[in-house]
Amino acid sequence: MSGLFELAMPWWEFVLRAVIVYFLLLLMLRLSGKRTVGQFTPFDLLVVVLLGTAVQNSLIGEDVSLLGGLILAATLIGCNWLVGFATARSRLLDRLAEGSPVLLGRKGELFPAVLRRQNISRLDIDEALRENGIADLSRAALVMLEVDGTITVVPRRDAAG
């Protein structure tokens, strides 16, 4: 029972480890593209679970105490709050952390090079069309990949008729 509160390293090392891992993972996820954090497939979910396992020792080291875990949790939540606070106040930081929407197609035509670069398949586009009640790509004015990984389809004005 006494081991619950005995830290294997100084408290500040937990904080430092958590901050480093948080921001490096944020960078890696940001560089991996919008689809990684958008609509999870079973493969994406597996990667997220394995990421947690992969960085566990980087965070906790040899410590197994309750207090160490709580320090880590508080630090990670604090980092997340700090990123939210900073990105809400700075357009530059917001674009760095979140990115910006990407135009995938316009006036019924898709941009194949952009689709490849963003790892978007035609099946993804077809699903987004169906979700927006659009039967055919020719009826789409814009097809956008949003910063959260979702695909938005804006119908053509003349598509209603």
C-alpha atoms as a PDB file:
ATOM      1  CA  MET A   1       0.000   0.000   0.000  1.00  0.00           C
ATOM      2  CA  SER A   2       2.863   2.386   0.725  1.00  0.00           C
ATOM      3  CA  GLY A   3       4.089   2.051  -2.889  1.00  0.00           C
ATOM      4  CA  LEU A   4       0.990   3.849  -4.157  1.00  0.00           C
ATOM      5  CA  PHE A   5       2.469   7.232  -3.350  1.00  0.00           C
ATOM      6  CA  GLU A   6       6.218   6.574  -3.653  1.00  0.00           C
ATOM      7  CA  LEU A   7       7.538   7.995  -6.903  1.00  0.00           C
ATOM      8  CA  ALA A   8      10.384   6.231  -8.731  1.00  0.00           C
ATOM      9  CA  MET A   9      11.591   9.562 -10.114  1.00  0.00           C
ATOM     10  CA  PRO A  10      11.106  13.253  -9.242  1.00  0.00           C
ATOM     11  CA  TRP A  11       7.631  14.705  -9.957  1.00  0.00           C
ATOM     12  CA  TRP A  12       9.051  17.184 -12.473  1.00  0.00           C
ATOM     13  CA  GLU A  13      10.419  14.317 -14.589  1.00  0.00           C
ATOM     14  CA  PHE A  14       6.863  12.993 -15.016  1.00  0.00           C
ATOM     15  CA  VAL A  15       5.767  16.437 -16.152  1.00  0.00           C
ATOM     16  CA  LEU A  16       8.726  16.805 -18.526  1.00  0.00           C
ATOM     17  CA  ARG A  17       8.184  13.340 -20.030  1.00  0.00           C
ATOM     18  CA  ALA A  18       4.466  13.961 -20.492  1.00  0.00           C
ATOM     19  CA  VAL A  19       5.013  17.354 -22.153  1.00  0.00           C
ATOM     20  CA  ILE A  20       7.627  15.961 -24.554  1.00  0.00           C
ATOM     21  CA  VAL A  21       5.545  12.898 -25.490  1.00  0.00           C
ATOM     22  CA  TYR A  22       2.359  14.982 -25.861  1.00  0.00           C
ATOM     23  CA  PHE A  23       3.855  17.509 -28.237  1.00  0.00           C
ATOM     24  CA  LEU A  24       5.860  14.966 -30.255  1.00  0.00           C
ATOM     25  CA  LEU A  25       2.758  12.800 -30.731  1.00  0.00           C
ATOM     26  CA  LEU A  26       0.741  15.888 -31.657  1.00  0.00           C
ATOM     27  CA  LEU A  27       3.363  16.705 -34.288  1.00  0.00           C
ATOM     28  CA  MET A  28       3.424  13.125 -35.617  1.00  0.00           C
ATOM     29  CA  LEU A  29      -0.363  12.950 -35.829  1.00  0.00           C
ATOM     30  CA  ARG A  30      -0.478  16.352 -37.511  1.00  0.00           C
ATOM     31  CA  LEU A  31       2.103  15.256 -40.092  1.00  0.00           C
ATOM     32  CA  SER A  32       0.280  11.981 -40.740  1.00  0.00           C
ATOM     33  CA  GLY A  33      -2.705  13.790 -42.228  1.00  0.00           C
ATOM     34  CA  LYS A  34      -6.288  14.653 -41.446  1.00  0.00           C
ATOM     35  CA  ARG A  35      -7.685  11.201 -42.125  1.00  0.00           C
ATOM     36  CA  THR A  36      -5.615   9.700 -39.297  1.00  0.00           C
ATOM     37  CA  VAL A  37      -7.571  11.636 -36.698  1.00  0.00           C
ATOM     38  CA  GLY A  38     -10.843  11.978 -38.556  1.00  0.00           C
ATOM     39  CA  GLN A  39     -13.039   9.008 -39.276  1.00  0.00           C
ATOM     40  CA  PHE A  40     -11.518   5.996 -37.520  1.00  0.00           C
ATOM     41  CA  THR A  41     -11.361   2.684 -39.313  1.00  0.00           C
ATOM     42  CA  PRO A  42     -10.486  -0.450 -37.318  1.00  0.00           C
ATOM     43  CA  PHE A  43      -6.879  -0.015 -38.541  1.00  0.00           C
ATOM     44  CA  ASP A  44      -6.780   3.592 -37.284  1.00  0.00           C
ATOM     45  CA  LEU A  45      -8.153   2.543 -33.895  1.00  0.00           C
ATOM     46  CA  LEU A  46      -5.500  -0.161 -33.659  1.00  0.00           C
ATOM     47  CA  VAL A  47      -2.777   2.409 -34.380  1.00  0.00           C
ATOM     48  CA  VAL A  48      -4.087   4.688 -31.623  1.00  0.00           C
ATOM     49  CA  VAL A  49      -4.162   1.853 -29.086  1.00  0.00           C
ATOM     50  CA  LEU A  50      -0.659   0.752 -30.078  1.00  0.00           C
ATOM     51  CA  LEU A  51       0.590   4.349 -29.851  1.00  0.00           C
ATOM     52  CA  GLY A  52      -0.574   4.437 -26.255  1.00  0.00           C
ATOM     53  CA  THR A  53       1.271   1.226 -25.510  1.00  0.00           C
ATOM     54  CA  ALA A  54       4.368   2.365 -27.402  1.00  0.00           C
ATOM     55  CA  VAL A  55       4.754   5.577 -25.428  1.00  0.00           C
ATOM     56  CA  GLN A  56       3.812   4.136 -22.043  1.00  0.00           C
ATOM     57  CA  ASN A  57       7.399   3.567 -20.924  1.00  0.00           C
ATOM     58  CA  SER A  58       8.409   6.969 -22.286  1.00  0.00           C
ATOM     59  CA  LEU A  59       5.861   8.492 -19.959  1.00  0.00           C
ATOM     60  CA  ILE A  60       6.037   6.387 -16.841  1.00  0.00           C
ATOM     61  CA  GLY A  61       9.581   4.986 -16.844  1.00  0.00           C
ATOM     62  CA  GLU A  62       9.895   2.469 -14.012  1.00  0.00           C
ATOM     63  CA  ASP A  63       7.204   4.085 -11.861  1.00  0.00           C
ATOM     64  CA  VAL A  64       4.020   2.158 -11.048  1.00  0.00           C
ATOM     65  CA  SER A  65       2.654   4.456  -8.353  1.00  0.00           C
ATOM     66  CA  LEU A  66      -0.822   5.917  -8.293  1.00  0.00           C
ATOM     67  CA  LEU A  67       0.660   9.377  -7.751  1.00  0.00           C
ATOM     68  CA  GLY A  68       2.884   9.059 -10.848  1.00  0.00           C
ATOM     69  CA  GLY A  69      -0.118   8.141 -13.002  1.00  0.00           C
ATOM     70  CA  LEU A  70      -2.117  11.058 -11.628  1.00  0.00           C
ATOM     71  CA  ILE A  71       0.743  13.487 -12.300  1.00  0.00           C
ATOM     72  CA  LEU A  72       0.928  12.205 -15.887  1.00  0.00           C
ATOM     73  CA  ALA A  73      -2.831  12.455 -16.393  1.00  0.00           C
ATOM     74  CA  ALA A  74      -2.923  16.000 -15.014  1.00  0.00           C
ATOM     75  CA  THR A  75       0.011  17.031 -17.214  1.00  0.00           C
ATOM     76  CA  LEU A  76      -1.514  15.557 -20.379  1.00  0.00           C
ATOM     77  CA  ILE A  77      -4.873  17.205 -19.664  1.00  0.00           C
ATOM     78  CA  GLY A  78      -3.027  20.461 -18.958  1.00  0.00           C
ATOM     79  CA  CYS A  79      -1.139  20.217 -22.267  1.00  0.00           C
ATOM     80  CA  ASN A  80      -4.402  19.610 -24.087  1.00  0.00           C
ATOM     81  CA  TRP A  81      -6.009  22.613 -22.392  1.00  0.00           C
ATOM     82  CA  LEU A  82      -2.958  24.761 -23.184  1.00  0.00           C
ATOM     83  CA  VAL A  83      -3.070  23.831 -26.879  1.00  0.00           C
ATOM     84  CA  GLY A  84      -6.799  24.634 -26.973  1.00  0.00           C
ATOM     85  CA  PHE A  85      -6.229  27.940 -25.188  1.00  0.00           C
ATOM     86  CA  ALA A  86      -3.365  28.941 -27.507  1.00  0.00           C
ATOM     87  CA  THR A  87      -5.055  27.897 -30.761  1.00  0.00           C
ATOM     88  CA  ALA A  88      -8.245  29.752 -29.819  1.00  0.00           C
ATOM     89  CA  ARG A  89      -6.197  32.947 -29.572  1.00  0.00           C
ATOM     90  CA  SER A  90      -3.742  32.572 -32.449  1.00  0.00           C
ATOM     91  CA  ARG A  91      -4.626  31.857 -36.062  1.00  0.00           C
ATOM     92  CA  LEU A  92      -1.045  30.821 -36.772  1.00  0.00           C
ATOM     93  CA  LEU A  93      -0.963  28.293 -33.928  1.00  0.00           C
ATOM     94  CA  ASP A  94      -4.420  27.061 -34.932  1.00  0.00           C
ATOM     95  CA  ARG A  95      -3.272  26.426 -38.502  1.00  0.00           C
ATOM     96  CA  LEU A  96      -0.112  24.688 -37.243  1.00  0.00           C
ATOM     97  CA  ALA A  97      -2.013  22.456 -34.809  1.00  0.00           C
ATOM     98  CA  GLU A  98      -5.235  21.886 -36.746  1.00  0.00           C
ATOM     99  CA  GLY A  99      -4.339  22.582 -40.363  1.00  0.00           C
ATOM    100  CA  SER A 100      -6.785  24.023 -42.861  1.00  0.00           C
ATOM    101  CA  PRO A 101      -9.505  22.538 -45.060  1.00  0.00           C
ATOM    102  CA  VAL A 102      -8.382  21.037 -48.376  1.00  0.00           C
ATOM    103  CA  LEU A 103     -10.313  21.393 -51.628  1.00  0.00           C
ATOM    104  CA  LEU A 104     -10.792  17.898 -53.096  1.00  0.00           C
ATOM    105  CA  GLY A 105     -13.064  18.834 -55.981  1.00  0.00           C
ATOM    106  CA  ARG A 106     -15.079  21.599 -57.595  1.00  0.00           C
ATOM    107  CA  LYS A 107     -18.056  21.731 -59.984  1.00  0.00           C
ATOM    108  CA  GLY A 108     -18.392  17.956 -60.171  1.00  0.00           C
ATOM    109  CA  GLU A 109     -14.701  17.274 -60.816  1.00  0.00           C
ATOM    110  CA  LEU A 110     -12.286  15.728 -58.333  1.00  0.00           C
ATOM    111  CA  PHE A 111      -8.579  16.525 -58.143  1.00  0.00           C
ATOM    112  CA  PRO A 112      -6.833  13.100 -58.295  1.00  0.00           C
ATOM    113  CA  ALA A 113      -3.422  14.393 -57.126  1.00  0.00           C
ATOM    114  CA  VAL A 114      -5.000  15.995 -54.054  1.00  0.00           C
ATOM    115  CA  LEU A 115      -6.984  12.833 -53.294  1.00  0.00           C
ATOM    116  CA  ARG A 116      -3.786  10.760 -53.410  1.00  0.00           C
ATOM    117  CA  ARG A 117      -1.867  13.242 -51.262  1.00  0.00           C
ATOM    118  CA  GLN A 118      -4.663  13.190 -48.644  1.00  0.00           C
ATOM    119  CA  ASN A 119      -5.184   9.383 -48.837  1.00  0.00           C
ATOM    120  CA  ILE A 120      -8.798   9.771 -49.903  1.00  0.00           C
ATOM    121  CA  SER A 121     -10.413   7.079 -52.039  1.00  0.00           C
ATOM    122  CA  ARG A 122     -13.292   7.459 -54.459  1.00  0.00           C
ATOM    123  CA  LEU A 123     -15.311   5.296 -52.055  1.00  0.00           C
ATOM    124  CA  ASP A 124     -14.788   7.952 -49.354  1.00  0.00           C
ATOM    125  CA  ILE A 125     -16.124  10.598 -51.744  1.00  0.00           C
ATOM    126  CA  ASP A 126     -19.116   8.440 -52.726  1.00  0.00           C
ATOM    127  CA  GLU A 127     -19.954   7.910 -49.045  1.00  0.00           C
ATOM    128  CA  ALA A 128     -19.816  11.666 -48.387  1.00  0.00           C
ATOM    129  CA  LEU A 129     -22.077  12.283 -51.385  1.00  0.00           C
ATOM    130  CA  ARG A 130     -24.641   9.793 -50.061  1.00  0.00           C
ATOM    131  CA  GLU A 131     -24.478  11.309 -46.564  1.00  0.00           C
ATOM    132  CA  ASN A 132     -25.323  14.683 -48.104  1.00  0.00           C
ATOM    133  CA  GLY A 133     -28.177  13.302 -50.203  1.00  0.00           C
ATOM    134  CA  ILE A 134     -26.347  13.874 -53.475  1.00  0.00           C
ATOM    135  CA  ALA A 135     -26.740  11.052 -55.972  1.00  0.00           C
ATOM    136  CA  ASP A 136     -24.000  12.070 -58.406  1.00  0.00           C
ATOM    137  CA  LEU A 137     -20.684  13.910 -58.199  1.00  0.00           C
ATOM    138  CA  SER A 138     -21.791  16.242 -61.017  1.00  0.00           C
ATOM    139  CA  ARG A 139     -24.294  17.722 -58.543  1.00  0.00           C
ATOM    140  CA  ALA A 140     -21.519  18.812 -56.123  1.00  0.00           C
ATOM    141  CA  ALA A 141     -20.263  22.399 -56.220  1.00  0.00           C
ATOM    142  CA  LEU A 142     -17.435  21.742 -53.715  1.00  0.00           C
ATOM    143  CA  VAL A 143     -15.921  18.701 -52.029  1.00  0.00           C
ATOM    144  CA  MET A 144     -13.777  19.609 -49.017  1.00  0.00           C
ATOM    145  CA  LEU A 145     -11.655  17.652 -46.563  1.00  0.00           C
ATOM    146  CA  GLU A 146     -12.221  19.402 -43.253  1.00  0.00           C
ATOM    147  CA  VAL A 147      -9.578  19.756 -40.538  1.00  0.00           C
ATOM    148  CA  ASP A 148     -11.254  17.026 -38.481  1.00  0.00           C
ATOM    149  CA  GLY A 149     -10.976  14.509 -41.352  1.00  0.00           C
ATOM    150  CA  THR A 150     -14.604  14.637 -42.440  1.00  0.00           C
ATOM    151  CA  ILE A 151     -15.550  15.252 -46.050  1.00  0.00           C
ATOM    152  CA  THR A 152     -18.047  18.035 -46.699  1.00  0.00           C
ATOM    153  CA  VAL A 153     -19.996  18.220 -49.937  1.00  0.00           C
ATOM    154  CA  VAL A 154     -21.665  21.483 -50.957  1.00  0.00           C
ATOM    155  CA  PRO A 155     -24.422  20.872 -53.527  1.00  0.00           C
ATOM    156  CA  ARG A 156     -24.683  22.944 -56.679  1.00  0.00           C
ATOM    157  CA  ARG A 157     -27.418  25.540 -56.558  1.00  0.00           C
ATOM    158  CA  ASP A 158     -29.023  24.104 -59.659  1.00  0.00           C
ATOM    159  CA  ALA A 159     -28.776  20.547 -58.231  1.00  0.00           C
ATOM    160  CA  ALA A 160     -32.063  20.797 -56.365  1.00  0.00           C
ATOM    161  CA  GLY A 161     -34.142  20.667 -59.472  1.00  0.00           C
END
